Amino acid sequence: MNERNDLNVANVSKQFAVITALKGAAFASPPGSFTAFLGPSGCGKTTLLRIIAGFETPTTGTVSIGGEVVAGDGR
């Protein structure tokens, strides 16, 4: 994905003990855009938002804002 994107989520997964809450989430949101997450209860929307906000650490993958990695890969 392009580093010029304002928000870049690459292969983000989150594991809680034996529960996989999120698996392989990936998207890029260009600067100035609005992004919405839709889906049924329990599909990982809140977990993804908590990872992007920095309240949770992804088990795998990275979150970049403005080209700078803010979560994942040792962050």
C-alpha atoms as a PDB file:
ATOM      1  CA  MET A   1       0.000   0.000   0.000  1.00  0.00           C
ATOM      2  CA  ASN A   2       1.079   3.543  -0.634  1.00  0.00           C
ATOM      3  CA  GLU A   3       2.883   5.348   2.226  1.00  0.00           C
ATOM      4  CA  ARG A   4       1.338   8.667   1.175  1.00  0.00           C
ATOM      5  CA  ASN A   5      -1.986   7.528   2.607  1.00  0.00           C
ATOM      6  CA  ASP A   6      -2.954   9.178   5.835  1.00  0.00           C
ATOM      7  CA  LEU A   7      -3.987   5.894   7.492  1.00  0.00           C
ATOM      8  CA  ASN A   8      -2.627   2.523   6.409  1.00  0.00           C
ATOM      9  CA  VAL A   9      -3.568  -0.774   8.090  1.00  0.00           C
ATOM     10  CA  ALA A  10      -1.546  -3.755   6.831  1.00  0.00           C
ATOM     11  CA  ASN A  11      -2.345  -7.386   7.736  1.00  0.00           C
ATOM     12  CA  VAL A  12      -3.461  -6.526  11.286  1.00  0.00           C
ATOM     13  CA  SER A  13      -4.547  -9.401  13.514  1.00  0.00           C
ATOM     14  CA  LYS A  14      -5.354  -9.569  17.224  1.00  0.00           C
ATOM     15  CA  GLN A  15      -5.340 -12.716  19.335  1.00  0.00           C
ATOM     16  CA  PHE A  16      -6.691 -12.817  22.906  1.00  0.00           C
ATOM     17  CA  ALA A  17      -5.517 -16.140  24.420  1.00  0.00           C
ATOM     18  CA  VAL A  18      -7.330 -18.699  22.233  1.00  0.00           C
ATOM     19  CA  ILE A  19      -9.763 -16.170  20.655  1.00  0.00           C
ATOM     20  CA  THR A  20      -8.895 -14.553  17.323  1.00  0.00           C
ATOM     21  CA  ALA A  21     -10.713 -11.213  17.453  1.00  0.00           C
ATOM     22  CA  LEU A  22      -9.310  -9.839  14.189  1.00  0.00           C
ATOM     23  CA  LYS A  23      -7.503 -11.564  11.330  1.00  0.00           C
ATOM     24  CA  GLY A  24      -5.641  -9.964   8.421  1.00  0.00           C
ATOM     25  CA  ALA A  25      -7.351  -6.560   8.307  1.00  0.00           C
ATOM     26  CA  ALA A  26      -5.883  -4.336   5.591  1.00  0.00           C
ATOM     27  CA  PHE A  27      -6.980  -1.036   4.060  1.00  0.00           C
ATOM     28  CA  ALA A  28      -5.694   2.420   3.175  1.00  0.00           C
ATOM     29  CA  SER A  29      -7.610   5.607   3.855  1.00  0.00           C
ATOM     30  CA  PRO A  30      -6.459   8.626   1.828  1.00  0.00           C
ATOM     31  CA  PRO A  31      -5.978  12.026   3.468  1.00  0.00           C
ATOM     32  CA  GLY A  32      -9.225  13.915   4.048  1.00  0.00           C
ATOM     33  CA  SER A  33     -11.482  10.892   3.590  1.00  0.00           C
ATOM     34  CA  PHE A  34     -14.006   9.380   5.981  1.00  0.00           C
ATOM     35  CA  THR A  35     -13.902   5.652   6.692  1.00  0.00           C
ATOM     36  CA  ALA A  36     -16.650   3.525   8.234  1.00  0.00           C
ATOM     37  CA  PHE A  37     -16.462  -0.048   9.517  1.00  0.00           C
ATOM     38  CA  LEU A  38     -19.611  -2.095   9.081  1.00  0.00           C
ATOM     39  CA  GLY A  39     -20.339  -5.666  10.062  1.00  0.00           C
ATOM     40  CA  PRO A  40     -22.143  -7.956  12.443  1.00  0.00           C
ATOM     41  CA  SER A  41     -21.587  -8.073  16.181  1.00  0.00           C
ATOM     42  CA  GLY A  42     -18.314  -9.782  17.088  1.00  0.00           C
ATOM     43  CA  CYS A  43     -16.557  -9.341  13.736  1.00  0.00           C
ATOM     44  CA  GLY A  44     -13.691  -7.169  15.081  1.00  0.00           C
ATOM     45  CA  LYS A  45     -14.801  -3.576  14.387  1.00  0.00           C
ATOM     46  CA  THR A  46     -14.144  -2.311  17.909  1.00  0.00           C
ATOM     47  CA  THR A  47     -10.893  -4.272  18.186  1.00  0.00           C
ATOM     48  CA  LEU A  48      -9.647  -2.668  14.952  1.00  0.00           C
ATOM     49  CA  LEU A  49     -10.617   0.812  16.161  1.00  0.00           C
ATOM     50  CA  ARG A  50      -8.890   0.186  19.520  1.00  0.00           C
ATOM     51  CA  ILE A  51      -5.704  -0.868  17.680  1.00  0.00           C
ATOM     52  CA  ILE A  52      -5.789   2.220  15.431  1.00  0.00           C
ATOM     53  CA  ALA A  53      -6.349   4.447  18.495  1.00  0.00           C
ATOM     54  CA  GLY A  54      -3.430   2.824  20.338  1.00  0.00           C
ATOM     55  CA  PHE A  55      -5.447   1.203  23.135  1.00  0.00           C
ATOM     56  CA  GLU A  56      -4.544  -2.317  21.941  1.00  0.00           C
ATOM     57  CA  THR A  57      -1.386  -3.730  20.364  1.00  0.00           C
ATOM     58  CA  PRO A  58      -1.796  -5.833  17.232  1.00  0.00           C
ATOM     59  CA  THR A  59      -0.571  -9.428  17.401  1.00  0.00           C
ATOM     60  CA  THR A  60       0.592  -9.119  13.779  1.00  0.00           C
ATOM     61  CA  GLY A  61       0.656  -6.387  11.160  1.00  0.00           C
ATOM     62  CA  THR A  62       1.190  -2.643  11.280  1.00  0.00           C
ATOM     63  CA  VAL A  63      -0.740   0.601  11.492  1.00  0.00           C
ATOM     64  CA  SER A  64       0.838   3.661   9.853  1.00  0.00           C
ATOM     65  CA  ILE A  65      -0.327   7.254  10.045  1.00  0.00           C
ATOM     66  CA  GLY A  66       1.235   9.705   7.617  1.00  0.00           C
ATOM     67  CA  GLY A  67       3.806   7.074   6.615  1.00  0.00           C
ATOM     68  CA  GLU A  68       5.035   6.527  10.197  1.00  0.00           C
ATOM     69  CA  VAL A  69       4.429   3.158  11.849  1.00  0.00           C
ATOM     70  CA  VAL A  70       2.508   3.754  15.079  1.00  0.00           C
ATOM     71  CA  ALA A  71       1.532   0.150  15.953  1.00  0.00           C
ATOM     72  CA  GLY A  72       3.069  -3.223  15.236  1.00  0.00           C
ATOM     73  CA  ASP A  73       6.554  -4.516  14.468  1.00  0.00           C
ATOM     74  CA  GLY A  74       7.945  -3.749  17.929  1.00  0.00           C
ATOM     75  CA  ARG A  75       6.060  -0.502  18.509  1.00  0.00           C
END
